[in-house]
Amino acid sequence: MPPADASTDAGTNSAPRAGSSTEDTLDLRLTEELIALFGDDGPVSGPRAVGDDLLDTPADWGPVTTSGGVFQLVPVRIERDLPLISRWMNDPAVAAFWELAGPQEVTAAHLRTQLDGDGRSAPCLGVLAGVPMSYWEIYRADLDPLARHYPARPHDTGIHLLVGGVADRGRGLGTTLLRAVADLVLDRRPLCARVVAEPDMRNTPSVSAFLRAGFRFSAELDLPDKRAALMVRDRALRNLL
């Protein structure tokens, strides 16, 4: 079974199920930033086409105090972090959703795609009370292939999470950290009005964790590799949910 309180989904290249309920979202407006990054076939890889940092530098977001201790996102460095992240990816509960089990090079390739890209996705370690215990991807959902498949808004920010240690799962810690990171995004990215995620519908503990963290269920998406729940945390509702 997947971690009880962690999103363990990595893929975002997805398509919605026909008839999905997305009436609460607006059609994507192509800003200059989007036009610079998107071609006719969606986002392209290569050097960053936009001068500004696309994610407002997660490395500078700083620590936050949670009920589980002081938490901070620390950008991944392959030479330092690869053995730990690869070990997590080979946990059967994680591998069932991330599909990155195997030798370290499998995980390294996944990380390099982001680290050598244009800055629209930032892989980070989640450090709690001084101990690396989770892996995060903070990404620009509106500049991701996902944006072709749901009505994205400019600066929508997506998150993926896996909780690495078995001892950290199943006790509500994932919910605490999901709320903390969503708050960080909204606090540090003033142009972002929504934080989004798309956990696998089979991963009911993960979906429940998002709901407890202040996200709302927006739509059910039929993706090429999974049926996903589109979860949304709105800036306007952050103090109500």
Protein backbone atom coordinates (compact mmCIF):
# COMPACT_ATOMS: atom_id res chain seq x y z
CA MET A 1 0.00 0.00 0.00
CA PRO A 2 1.18 3.59 -0.64
CA PRO A 3 2.30 5.85 2.18
CA ALA A 4 -0.71 6.72 4.29
CA ASP A 5 -0.23 10.45 4.22
CA ALA A 6 1.97 11.19 1.24
CA SER A 7 1.40 11.96 -2.41
CA THR A 8 3.52 9.46 -4.29
CA ASP A 9 2.85 10.61 -7.84
CA ALA A 10 5.51 11.94 -10.17
CA GLY A 11 4.02 12.16 -13.67
CA THR A 12 2.23 15.25 -14.93
CA ASN A 13 1.90 14.49 -18.63
CA SER A 14 -1.78 13.73 -18.49
CA ALA A 15 -5.21 14.11 -20.06
CA PRO A 16 -8.58 14.63 -18.33
CA ARG A 17 -11.43 12.21 -18.58
CA ALA A 18 -14.16 13.42 -20.89
CA GLY A 19 -16.87 15.10 -18.88
CA SER A 20 -14.60 15.88 -15.91
CA SER A 21 -15.92 18.62 -13.70
CA THR A 22 -13.59 21.60 -14.02
CA GLU A 23 -16.19 24.35 -14.00
CA ASP A 24 -14.42 26.08 -11.13
CA THR A 25 -11.36 26.85 -13.25
CA LEU A 26 -10.71 29.39 -15.96
CA ASP A 27 -9.35 28.83 -19.44
CA LEU A 28 -5.62 29.30 -19.78
CA ARG A 29 -4.57 32.76 -20.94
CA LEU A 30 -1.30 32.74 -22.84
CA THR A 31 0.89 35.30 -21.17
CA GLU A 32 4.25 36.30 -22.70
CA GLU A 33 5.87 33.91 -20.24
CA LEU A 34 3.77 31.02 -21.48
CA ILE A 35 4.30 31.89 -25.14
CA ALA A 36 8.05 31.93 -24.55
CA LEU A 37 8.02 28.42 -23.12
CA PHE A 38 5.25 26.71 -25.11
CA GLY A 39 5.36 25.67 -28.71
CA ASP A 40 2.49 24.20 -30.69
CA ASP A 41 3.16 20.82 -29.07
CA GLY A 42 3.42 22.04 -25.48
CA PRO A 43 6.39 22.93 -23.31
CA VAL A 44 9.85 22.55 -24.75
CA SER A 45 13.10 21.74 -23.05
CA GLY A 46 16.30 23.74 -23.28
CA PRO A 47 17.73 26.94 -21.85
CA ARG A 48 15.42 29.06 -19.78
CA ALA A 49 13.50 31.38 -22.09
CA VAL A 50 12.36 33.76 -19.39
CA GLY A 51 14.71 35.94 -17.38
CA ASP A 52 12.97 35.77 -14.02
CA ASP A 53 13.10 32.75 -11.77
CA LEU A 54 10.03 30.71 -12.63
CA LEU A 55 9.42 29.51 -9.07
CA ASP A 56 10.63 32.49 -7.04
CA THR A 57 13.63 30.51 -5.79
CA PRO A 58 12.42 27.80 -3.36
CA ALA A 59 15.95 27.72 -1.91
CA ASP A 60 15.25 31.15 -0.42
CA TRP A 61 11.85 30.34 1.08
CA GLY A 62 13.36 29.60 4.46
CA PRO A 63 12.25 27.39 7.36
CA VAL A 64 8.76 27.23 8.84
CA THR A 65 7.63 25.91 12.21
CA THR A 66 5.11 23.06 12.08
CA SER A 67 3.56 20.83 14.71
CA GLY A 68 6.16 18.22 13.72
CA GLY A 69 9.13 20.57 14.09
CA VAL A 70 11.02 23.10 12.00
CA PHE A 71 10.69 22.24 8.32
CA GLN A 72 12.59 23.50 5.29
CA LEU A 73 12.80 22.71 1.58
CA VAL A 74 16.43 22.20 0.51
CA PRO A 75 17.23 22.01 -3.23
CA VAL A 76 18.49 18.59 -4.29
CA ARG A 77 22.18 18.12 -5.07
CA ILE A 78 22.70 14.86 -6.94
CA GLU A 79 26.17 14.20 -5.60
CA ARG A 80 24.91 14.52 -2.03
CA ASP A 81 21.33 13.28 -2.15
CA LEU A 82 21.11 10.61 -4.84
CA PRO A 83 21.72 7.55 -2.60
CA LEU A 84 18.99 8.60 -0.18
CA ILE A 85 16.40 9.50 -2.81
CA SER A 86 17.13 6.36 -4.83
CA ARG A 87 16.66 4.23 -1.71
CA TRP A 88 13.26 5.84 -1.15
CA MET A 89 12.31 5.27 -4.80
CA ASN A 90 13.05 1.56 -4.35
CA ASP A 91 10.61 1.22 -1.47
CA PRO A 92 7.74 -0.85 -2.99
CA ALA A 93 5.13 1.53 -1.52
CA VAL A 94 6.79 4.44 -3.34
CA ALA A 95 7.74 2.57 -6.52
CA ALA A 96 4.11 1.62 -7.12
CA PHE A 97 3.36 5.26 -7.92
CA TRP A 98 6.64 6.96 -8.85
CA GLU A 99 7.87 4.05 -11.01
CA LEU A 100 11.54 4.98 -10.48
CA ALA A 101 12.76 1.77 -8.86
CA GLY A 102 16.06 0.35 -10.05
CA PRO A 103 19.70 1.42 -10.01
CA GLN A 104 20.62 4.91 -8.86
CA GLU A 105 20.98 6.12 -12.44
CA VAL A 106 17.21 5.77 -12.92
CA THR A 107 16.59 8.31 -10.18
CA ALA A 108 19.56 10.42 -11.30
CA ALA A 109 18.10 10.77 -14.79
CA HIS A 110 14.78 11.89 -13.32
CA LEU A 111 16.52 14.50 -11.19
CA ARG A 112 18.82 15.75 -13.98
CA THR A 113 15.85 16.38 -16.25
CA GLN A 114 14.68 18.97 -13.74
CA LEU A 115 18.05 20.32 -12.62
CA ASP A 116 19.29 20.78 -16.19
CA GLY A 117 15.96 22.15 -17.44
CA ASP A 118 14.61 25.67 -17.70
CA GLY A 119 13.64 26.04 -14.04
CA ARG A 120 9.96 25.16 -14.20
CA SER A 121 10.44 22.25 -11.75
CA ALA A 122 12.56 22.21 -8.59
CA PRO A 123 13.37 18.92 -6.82
CA CYS A 124 13.86 19.40 -3.08
CA LEU A 125 14.50 17.44 0.06
CA GLY A 126 12.12 18.10 2.93
CA VAL A 127 14.20 18.49 6.08
CA LEU A 128 12.31 18.19 9.36
CA ALA A 129 14.06 18.97 12.64
CA GLY A 130 17.36 18.73 10.80
CA VAL A 131 16.67 15.31 9.23
CA PRO A 132 15.96 14.76 5.49
CA MET A 133 12.73 12.78 5.50
CA SER A 134 10.78 13.58 2.31
CA TYR A 135 11.21 14.38 -1.37
CA TRP A 136 9.31 17.20 -3.08
CA GLU A 137 8.88 18.55 -6.57
CA ILE A 138 7.66 22.13 -6.81
CA TYR A 139 6.69 22.89 -10.38
CA ARG A 140 4.94 25.46 -12.54
CA ALA A 141 1.76 23.61 -13.43
CA ASP A 142 0.84 26.27 -15.98
CA LEU A 143 4.14 25.68 -17.82
CA ASP A 144 4.01 21.89 -17.49
CA PRO A 145 2.49 19.41 -19.98
CA LEU A 146 -0.35 19.12 -17.45
CA ALA A 147 -1.49 22.59 -18.52
CA ARG A 148 -2.56 21.18 -21.89
CA HIS A 149 -5.08 18.96 -20.10
CA TYR A 150 -6.79 21.12 -17.52
CA PRO A 151 -7.86 24.80 -17.54
CA ALA A 152 -4.71 26.19 -15.97
CA ARG A 153 -4.27 29.72 -14.73
CA PRO A 154 -1.03 31.69 -14.96
CA HIS A 155 1.35 30.88 -12.09
CA ASP A 156 -0.52 27.74 -10.94
CA THR A 157 2.03 25.87 -8.86
CA GLY A 158 2.05 22.09 -8.51
CA ILE A 159 3.52 19.86 -5.82
CA HIS A 160 4.53 16.20 -5.64
CA LEU A 161 5.53 14.57 -2.36
CA LEU A 162 6.83 11.31 -1.05
CA VAL A 163 7.50 10.66 2.62
CA GLY A 164 10.67 8.58 2.73
CA GLY A 165 10.77 6.90 6.10
CA VAL A 166 8.23 4.25 7.05
CA ALA A 167 8.19 5.64 10.60
CA ASP A 168 7.04 9.01 9.25
CA ARG A 169 4.03 7.58 7.44
CA GLY A 170 0.54 6.95 8.69
CA ARG A 171 0.55 9.49 11.51
CA GLY A 172 -0.66 12.64 9.81
CA LEU A 173 2.75 14.12 9.14
CA GLY A 174 2.16 14.25 5.39
CA THR A 175 -0.96 16.36 5.93
CA THR A 176 0.99 18.75 8.16
CA LEU A 177 3.75 19.16 5.60
CA LEU A 178 1.38 19.48 2.63
CA ARG A 179 -0.34 22.38 4.35
CA ALA A 180 3.01 23.94 5.30
CA VAL A 181 4.42 23.72 1.78
CA ALA A 182 1.20 24.99 0.18
CA ASP A 183 1.35 27.95 2.57
CA LEU A 184 4.99 28.52 1.63
CA VAL A 185 4.06 28.60 -2.05
CA LEU A 186 1.26 31.09 -1.48
CA ASP A 187 3.39 33.25 0.83
CA ARG A 188 6.50 33.30 -1.36
CA ARG A 189 4.80 33.39 -4.77
CA PRO A 190 2.41 36.37 -4.64
CA LEU A 191 1.27 35.88 -8.25
CA CYS A 192 0.19 32.29 -7.57
CA ALA A 193 -3.50 32.00 -6.75
CA ARG A 194 -3.68 28.18 -6.58
CA VAL A 195 -1.57 25.21 -5.56
CA VAL A 196 -2.51 22.04 -7.44
CA ALA A 197 -1.74 18.33 -7.25
CA GLU A 198 -2.89 15.17 -9.05
CA PRO A 199 -2.51 12.10 -6.82
CA ASP A 200 -3.56 8.70 -8.08
CA MET A 201 -7.19 7.97 -7.26
CA ARG A 202 -6.11 4.54 -5.97
CA ASN A 203 -3.99 6.24 -3.36
CA THR A 204 -6.94 7.10 -1.13
CA PRO A 205 -4.76 7.93 1.91
CA SER A 206 -2.93 10.49 -0.24
CA VAL A 207 -6.17 12.05 -1.48
CA SER A 208 -7.41 12.20 2.11
CA ALA A 209 -4.17 13.87 3.20
CA PHE A 210 -4.64 16.61 0.61
CA LEU A 211 -8.22 17.16 1.74
CA ARG A 212 -7.13 17.45 5.36
CA ALA A 213 -4.40 19.88 4.28
CA GLY A 214 -6.92 22.37 2.90
CA PHE A 215 -7.10 21.21 -0.71
CA ARG A 216 -10.42 20.60 -2.42
CA PHE A 217 -11.28 17.94 -4.96
CA SER A 218 -11.76 19.68 -8.31
CA ALA A 219 -12.04 16.92 -10.91
CA GLU A 220 -11.30 13.30 -11.70
CA LEU A 221 -8.81 13.00 -14.56
CA ASP A 222 -8.22 10.02 -16.81
CA LEU A 223 -4.49 10.20 -17.46
CA PRO A 224 -2.41 7.89 -19.68
CA ASP A 225 -0.81 6.20 -16.65
CA LYS A 226 -3.41 6.65 -13.93
CA ARG A 227 -6.78 8.00 -12.95
CA ALA A 228 -6.01 11.06 -10.88
CA ALA A 229 -7.75 13.40 -8.49
CA LEU A 230 -7.12 17.05 -9.34
CA MET A 231 -6.66 18.70 -5.96
CA VAL A 232 -6.62 22.49 -5.58
CA ARG A 233 -5.75 24.78 -2.71
CA ASP A 234 -7.02 28.29 -3.38
CA ARG A 235 -5.40 31.40 -1.97
CA ALA A 236 -8.87 32.85 -1.39
CA LEU A 237 -9.91 29.84 0.72
CA ARG A 238 -6.65 29.16 2.56
CA ASN A 239 -7.93 30.49 5.88
CA LEU A 240 -11.25 28.66 5.59
CA LEU A 241 -10.11 25.09 4.76
